[in-house]
């Protein structure tokens, strides 16, 4: 799958991050939205409305983008039990595209990194738990790097909706290694 090269602006954002410990950059990221699902359940099973026009996020903000959705995809991450690197699919970022992620099987820790130099939360790292035990969706704006890690011994199935179709001749997807020291995120899963 073709990727776009890392831009100078992304390299500068990563360099700025490297000067501040990751533990001091944990927090919310402007523009990232979370919508907790309402589940209607009975003896036959349950029903969840994932997305619809007029949806609001958990803070009452419009959740659906002004631009229409262009593609829906699914990703599977095999649960292998253990710690990095075998459970991690991270990081990637987009220039134009919004991603809407919904983990429909298993449980995952979604990690987001604000790469936008002009953002009030530039360099921040936000972590959101999604999945069967936390049924909600996260909206990820452009220039916010994102990835996920499986949290249990069940495979993770991620459904995601995007605002731009993938075009291999002009990919809107860049990559950063999950363990880039400039981001400095600790992916270890600690037993409590």
C-alpha atoms as a PDB file:
ATOM      1  CA  UNK A   1       0.000   0.000   0.000  1.00  0.00           C
ATOM      2  CA  UNK A   2       1.576   3.358  -0.992  1.00  0.00           C
ATOM      3  CA  UNK A   3       2.091   6.037   1.676  1.00  0.00           C
ATOM      4  CA  UNK A   4       2.847   9.702   1.353  1.00  0.00           C
ATOM      5  CA  UNK A   5       6.235  10.841   2.627  1.00  0.00           C
ATOM      6  CA  UNK A   6       6.553  12.564   5.979  1.00  0.00           C
ATOM      7  CA  UNK A   7       6.375  16.317   5.475  1.00  0.00           C
ATOM      8  CA  UNK A   8       8.722  18.914   6.914  1.00  0.00           C
ATOM      9  CA  UNK A   9       5.849  20.189   9.090  1.00  0.00           C
ATOM     10  CA  UNK A  10       5.342  16.702  10.557  1.00  0.00           C
ATOM     11  CA  UNK A  11       9.075  16.348  11.232  1.00  0.00           C
ATOM     12  CA  UNK A  12       9.059  19.748  12.978  1.00  0.00           C
ATOM     13  CA  UNK A  13       6.040  18.747  15.088  1.00  0.00           C
ATOM     14  CA  UNK A  14       7.768  15.513  16.122  1.00  0.00           C
ATOM     15  CA  UNK A  15      10.965  17.409  16.954  1.00  0.00           C
ATOM     16  CA  UNK A  16       9.034  19.867  19.173  1.00  0.00           C
ATOM     17  CA  UNK A  17       7.389  16.906  20.934  1.00  0.00           C
ATOM     18  CA  UNK A  18      10.755  15.334  21.691  1.00  0.00           C
ATOM     19  CA  UNK A  19      11.623  18.302  23.950  1.00  0.00           C
ATOM     20  CA  UNK A  20       8.715  17.642  26.353  1.00  0.00           C
ATOM     21  CA  UNK A  21       8.286  14.277  28.112  1.00  0.00           C
ATOM     22  CA  UNK A  22       5.266  12.328  26.899  1.00  0.00           C
ATOM     23  CA  UNK A  23       3.886  12.176  30.439  1.00  0.00           C
ATOM     24  CA  UNK A  24       3.484  15.980  30.357  1.00  0.00           C
ATOM     25  CA  UNK A  25       1.695  15.845  26.984  1.00  0.00           C
ATOM     26  CA  UNK A  26      -1.128  13.490  27.979  1.00  0.00           C
ATOM     27  CA  UNK A  27      -4.519  15.163  27.627  1.00  0.00           C
ATOM     28  CA  UNK A  28      -7.350  16.083  25.318  1.00  0.00           C
ATOM     29  CA  UNK A  29      -6.742  17.028  21.690  1.00  0.00           C
ATOM     30  CA  UNK A  30      -8.740  19.844  20.089  1.00  0.00           C
ATOM     31  CA  UNK A  31     -11.113  18.529  17.440  1.00  0.00           C
ATOM     32  CA  UNK A  32     -11.079  14.890  18.595  1.00  0.00           C
ATOM     33  CA  UNK A  33     -14.641  13.915  19.479  1.00  0.00           C
ATOM     34  CA  UNK A  34     -16.045  10.883  21.301  1.00  0.00           C
ATOM     35  CA  UNK A  35     -19.640   9.669  20.977  1.00  0.00           C
ATOM     36  CA  UNK A  36     -20.857   7.049  23.454  1.00  0.00           C
ATOM     37  CA  UNK A  37     -23.386   4.700  21.880  1.00  0.00           C
ATOM     38  CA  UNK A  38     -26.860   4.146  23.228  1.00  0.00           C
ATOM     39  CA  UNK A  39     -27.669   0.451  23.189  1.00  0.00           C
ATOM     40  CA  UNK A  40     -31.223  -0.869  22.928  1.00  0.00           C
ATOM     41  CA  UNK A  41     -31.177  -4.430  24.280  1.00  0.00           C
ATOM     42  CA  UNK A  42     -33.750  -7.142  24.867  1.00  0.00           C
ATOM     43  CA  UNK A  43     -33.809 -10.951  25.104  1.00  0.00           C
ATOM     44  CA  UNK A  44     -32.992 -11.258  21.381  1.00  0.00           C
ATOM     45  CA  UNK A  45     -29.834  -9.117  21.399  1.00  0.00           C
ATOM     46  CA  UNK A  46     -29.195  -5.412  20.920  1.00  0.00           C
ATOM     47  CA  UNK A  47     -29.281  -2.530  18.426  1.00  0.00           C
ATOM     48  CA  UNK A  48     -26.896   0.448  18.227  1.00  0.00           C
ATOM     49  CA  UNK A  49     -27.147   3.422  15.892  1.00  0.00           C
ATOM     50  CA  UNK A  50     -23.532   4.086  14.903  1.00  0.00           C
ATOM     51  CA  UNK A  51     -23.876   7.311  12.895  1.00  0.00           C
ATOM     52  CA  UNK A  52     -26.735   9.432  11.703  1.00  0.00           C
ATOM     53  CA  UNK A  53     -27.299  12.992  10.597  1.00  0.00           C
ATOM     54  CA  UNK A  54     -27.747  15.240  13.636  1.00  0.00           C
ATOM     55  CA  UNK A  55     -25.618  13.127  16.001  1.00  0.00           C
ATOM     56  CA  UNK A  56     -23.833  14.954  18.807  1.00  0.00           C
ATOM     57  CA  UNK A  57     -20.654  13.929  20.600  1.00  0.00           C
ATOM     58  CA  UNK A  58     -20.518  13.397  24.387  1.00  0.00           C
ATOM     59  CA  UNK A  59     -20.070  17.158  24.887  1.00  0.00           C
ATOM     60  CA  UNK A  60     -23.013  18.187  22.676  1.00  0.00           C
ATOM     61  CA  UNK A  61     -21.035  19.148  19.547  1.00  0.00           C
ATOM     62  CA  UNK A  62     -22.099  18.096  16.013  1.00  0.00           C
ATOM     63  CA  UNK A  63     -20.413  14.745  15.358  1.00  0.00           C
ATOM     64  CA  UNK A  64     -20.981  14.236  11.619  1.00  0.00           C
ATOM     65  CA  UNK A  65     -18.640  16.169   9.310  1.00  0.00           C
ATOM     66  CA  UNK A  66     -19.823  18.761   6.806  1.00  0.00           C
ATOM     67  CA  UNK A  67     -18.286  16.688   4.000  1.00  0.00           C
ATOM     68  CA  UNK A  68     -19.954  13.362   3.222  1.00  0.00           C
ATOM     69  CA  UNK A  69     -18.419  10.009   4.005  1.00  0.00           C
ATOM     70  CA  UNK A  70     -16.454   8.578   1.115  1.00  0.00           C
ATOM     71  CA  UNK A  71     -15.554   5.065   2.236  1.00  0.00           C
ATOM     72  CA  UNK A  72     -16.233   2.486   4.948  1.00  0.00           C
ATOM     73  CA  UNK A  73     -13.579  -0.106   5.787  1.00  0.00           C
ATOM     74  CA  UNK A  74     -12.803  -2.837   8.299  1.00  0.00           C
ATOM     75  CA  UNK A  75      -9.518  -3.819   9.933  1.00  0.00           C
ATOM     76  CA  UNK A  76      -8.677  -6.915  11.976  1.00  0.00           C
ATOM     77  CA  UNK A  77      -5.924  -7.110  14.584  1.00  0.00           C
ATOM     78  CA  UNK A  78      -5.147 -10.577  15.879  1.00  0.00           C
ATOM     79  CA  UNK A  79      -4.957 -10.864  19.656  1.00  0.00           C
ATOM     80  CA  UNK A  80      -1.748 -12.624  20.566  1.00  0.00           C
ATOM     81  CA  UNK A  81      -1.643 -11.891  24.262  1.00  0.00           C
ATOM     82  CA  UNK A  82       1.331  -9.966  25.537  1.00  0.00           C
ATOM     83  CA  UNK A  83       2.909  -6.592  25.160  1.00  0.00           C
ATOM     84  CA  UNK A  84       4.387  -4.639  22.205  1.00  0.00           C
ATOM     85  CA  UNK A  85       5.058  -4.850  19.400  1.00  0.00           C
ATOM     86  CA  UNK A  86       2.664  -7.643  18.448  1.00  0.00           C
ATOM     87  CA  UNK A  87      -0.561  -5.916  19.512  1.00  0.00           C
ATOM     88  CA  UNK A  88      -0.013  -2.461  17.958  1.00  0.00           C
ATOM     89  CA  UNK A  89      -1.139  -0.943  14.664  1.00  0.00           C
ATOM     90  CA  UNK A  90       0.210   2.608  14.782  1.00  0.00           C
ATOM     91  CA  UNK A  91       0.768   5.434  13.774  1.00  0.00           C
ATOM     92  CA  UNK A  92      -0.722   6.900  10.633  1.00  0.00           C
ATOM     93  CA  UNK A  93      -2.018  10.374   9.771  1.00  0.00           C
ATOM     94  CA  UNK A  94      -3.872  12.219   6.987  1.00  0.00           C
ATOM     95  CA  UNK A  95      -3.741  15.707   5.437  1.00  0.00           C
ATOM     96  CA  UNK A  96      -7.416  15.929   4.386  1.00  0.00           C
ATOM     97  CA  UNK A  97      -9.268  12.938   5.768  1.00  0.00           C
ATOM     98  CA  UNK A  98     -11.329  12.579   8.938  1.00  0.00           C
ATOM     99  CA  UNK A  99     -11.545   9.046  10.391  1.00  0.00           C
ATOM    100  CA  UNK A 100     -14.477   7.747  12.482  1.00  0.00           C
ATOM    101  CA  UNK A 101     -13.453   4.612  14.400  1.00  0.00           C
ATOM    102  CA  UNK A 102     -15.749   2.022  15.986  1.00  0.00           C
ATOM    103  CA  UNK A 103     -14.308  -1.160  17.518  1.00  0.00           C
ATOM    104  CA  UNK A 104     -17.100  -3.708  17.024  1.00  0.00           C
ATOM    105  CA  UNK A 105     -15.308  -6.764  18.441  1.00  0.00           C
ATOM    106  CA  UNK A 106     -12.730  -6.976  21.195  1.00  0.00           C
ATOM    107  CA  UNK A 107     -11.316  -3.973  23.049  1.00  0.00           C
ATOM    108  CA  UNK A 108      -8.643  -1.524  22.004  1.00  0.00           C
ATOM    109  CA  UNK A 109      -6.694   1.424  23.302  1.00  0.00           C
ATOM    110  CA  UNK A 110      -6.748   4.114  20.619  1.00  0.00           C
ATOM    111  CA  UNK A 111      -3.818   6.518  20.873  1.00  0.00           C
ATOM    112  CA  UNK A 112      -3.939   9.927  19.188  1.00  0.00           C
ATOM    113  CA  UNK A 113      -1.105  12.445  18.732  1.00  0.00           C
ATOM    114  CA  UNK A 114      -1.689  16.070  17.711  1.00  0.00           C
ATOM    115  CA  UNK A 115       0.771  16.858  14.887  1.00  0.00           C
ATOM    116  CA  UNK A 116      -0.762  20.272  14.070  1.00  0.00           C
ATOM    117  CA  UNK A 117       1.765  23.021  14.723  1.00  0.00           C
ATOM    118  CA  UNK A 118      -0.932  25.697  15.029  1.00  0.00           C
ATOM    119  CA  UNK A 119      -3.156  23.729  17.419  1.00  0.00           C
ATOM    120  CA  UNK A 120      -3.652  24.760  21.052  1.00  0.00           C
ATOM    121  CA  UNK A 121      -3.030  21.087  21.892  1.00  0.00           C
ATOM    122  CA  UNK A 122      -0.023  20.574  19.581  1.00  0.00           C
ATOM    123  CA  UNK A 123       2.020  17.606  20.765  1.00  0.00           C
ATOM    124  CA  UNK A 124      -0.678  16.275  23.082  1.00  0.00           C
ATOM    125  CA  UNK A 125      -1.318  12.547  23.329  1.00  0.00           C
ATOM    126  CA  UNK A 126      -4.877  11.345  23.974  1.00  0.00           C
ATOM    127  CA  UNK A 127      -5.870   7.774  24.745  1.00  0.00           C
ATOM    128  CA  UNK A 128      -9.430   6.455  24.295  1.00  0.00           C
ATOM    129  CA  UNK A 129     -10.669   2.950  25.078  1.00  0.00           C
ATOM    130  CA  UNK A 130     -13.089   1.589  22.456  1.00  0.00           C
ATOM    131  CA  UNK A 131     -14.774  -1.776  22.135  1.00  0.00           C
ATOM    132  CA  UNK A 132     -17.262  -4.171  23.563  1.00  0.00           C
ATOM    133  CA  UNK A 133     -16.689  -2.889  27.106  1.00  0.00           C
ATOM    134  CA  UNK A 134     -16.668   0.757  25.997  1.00  0.00           C
ATOM    135  CA  UNK A 135     -19.142   1.074  23.101  1.00  0.00           C
ATOM    136  CA  UNK A 136     -18.383   4.419  21.534  1.00  0.00           C
ATOM    137  CA  UNK A 137     -16.877   6.011  18.447  1.00  0.00           C
ATOM    138  CA  UNK A 138     -14.009   8.477  18.082  1.00  0.00           C
ATOM    139  CA  UNK A 139     -13.755  11.153  15.358  1.00  0.00           C
ATOM    140  CA  UNK A 140     -10.156  11.890  14.347  1.00  0.00           C
ATOM    141  CA  UNK A 141      -9.333  15.117  12.458  1.00  0.00           C
ATOM    142  CA  UNK A 142      -6.590  15.574   9.844  1.00  0.00           C
ATOM    143  CA  UNK A 143      -3.016  15.845  11.153  1.00  0.00           C
ATOM    144  CA  UNK A 144      -3.847  13.882  14.301  1.00  0.00           C
ATOM    145  CA  UNK A 145      -1.783  10.684  14.141  1.00  0.00           C
ATOM    146  CA  UNK A 146      -3.635   7.619  15.356  1.00  0.00           C
ATOM    147  CA  UNK A 147      -3.256   3.938  16.013  1.00  0.00           C
ATOM    148  CA  UNK A 148      -4.488   1.237  18.333  1.00  0.00           C
ATOM    149  CA  UNK A 149      -3.527  -1.682  20.496  1.00  0.00           C
ATOM    150  CA  UNK A 150      -5.571  -4.770  21.360  1.00  0.00           C
ATOM    151  CA  UNK A 151      -6.257  -5.021  25.088  1.00  0.00           C
ATOM    152  CA  UNK A 152      -7.354  -8.589  25.637  1.00  0.00           C
ATOM    153  CA  UNK A 153      -7.180 -12.048  24.151  1.00  0.00           C
ATOM    154  CA  UNK A 154      -9.921 -11.398  21.570  1.00  0.00           C
ATOM    155  CA  UNK A 155      -9.213 -10.237  18.047  1.00  0.00           C
ATOM    156  CA  UNK A 156     -10.135  -6.609  17.434  1.00  0.00           C
ATOM    157  CA  UNK A 157     -12.385  -5.708  14.517  1.00  0.00           C
ATOM    158  CA  UNK A 158     -12.327  -1.996  13.741  1.00  0.00           C
ATOM    159  CA  UNK A 159     -14.969  -0.510  11.444  1.00  0.00           C
ATOM    160  CA  UNK A 160     -14.053   2.919  10.204  1.00  0.00           C
ATOM    161  CA  UNK A 161     -15.669   5.549   8.065  1.00  0.00           C
ATOM    162  CA  UNK A 162     -13.579   8.138   6.237  1.00  0.00           C
ATOM    163  CA  UNK A 163     -14.288  11.382   4.421  1.00  0.00           C
ATOM    164  CA  UNK A 164     -11.840  10.711   1.560  1.00  0.00           C
ATOM    165  CA  UNK A 165     -11.615   7.547  -0.559  1.00  0.00           C
ATOM    166  CA  UNK A 166      -8.192   5.885  -0.611  1.00  0.00           C
ATOM    167  CA  UNK A 167      -6.354   6.649  -3.855  1.00  0.00           C
ATOM    168  CA  UNK A 168      -3.078   4.711  -4.310  1.00  0.00           C
ATOM    169  CA  UNK A 169      -1.943   7.208  -6.977  1.00  0.00           C
ATOM    170  CA  UNK A 170      -2.315  10.106  -4.477  1.00  0.00           C
ATOM    171  CA  UNK A 171      -2.389   8.572  -0.986  1.00  0.00           C
ATOM    172  CA  UNK A 172      -3.571  10.741   1.904  1.00  0.00           C
ATOM    173  CA  UNK A 173      -1.900   8.563   4.486  1.00  0.00           C
ATOM    174  CA  UNK A 174       1.474   8.920   6.137  1.00  0.00           C
ATOM    175  CA  UNK A 175       3.225   6.651   8.629  1.00  0.00           C
ATOM    176  CA  UNK A 176       5.174   7.154  11.844  1.00  0.00           C
ATOM    177  CA  UNK A 177       6.568   4.146  13.766  1.00  0.00           C
ATOM    178  CA  UNK A 178       4.594   3.257  16.900  1.00  0.00           C
ATOM    179  CA  UNK A 179       7.764   3.548  18.978  1.00  0.00           C
ATOM    180  CA  UNK A 180       9.084   6.846  17.554  1.00  0.00           C
ATOM    181  CA  UNK A 181      11.078   8.269  20.497  1.00  0.00           C
ATOM    182  CA  UNK A 182       9.945  11.800  19.666  1.00  0.00           C
ATOM    183  CA  UNK A 183       6.357  10.808  20.499  1.00  0.00           C
ATOM    184  CA  UNK A 184       7.546   8.700  23.434  1.00  0.00           C
ATOM    185  CA  UNK A 185       4.268   6.934  24.194  1.00  0.00           C
ATOM    186  CA  UNK A 186       4.566   3.980  26.583  1.00  0.00           C
ATOM    187  CA  UNK A 187       2.519   1.159  25.027  1.00  0.00           C
ATOM    188  CA  UNK A 188       3.075  -1.302  27.875  1.00  0.00           C
ATOM    189  CA  UNK A 189      -0.044  -2.777  29.453  1.00  0.00           C
ATOM    190  CA  UNK A 190       0.322  -2.848  33.208  1.00  0.00           C
ATOM    191  CA  UNK A 191      -1.530  -5.264  35.449  1.00  0.00           C
ATOM    192  CA  UNK A 192      -3.254  -3.498  38.293  1.00  0.00           C
END
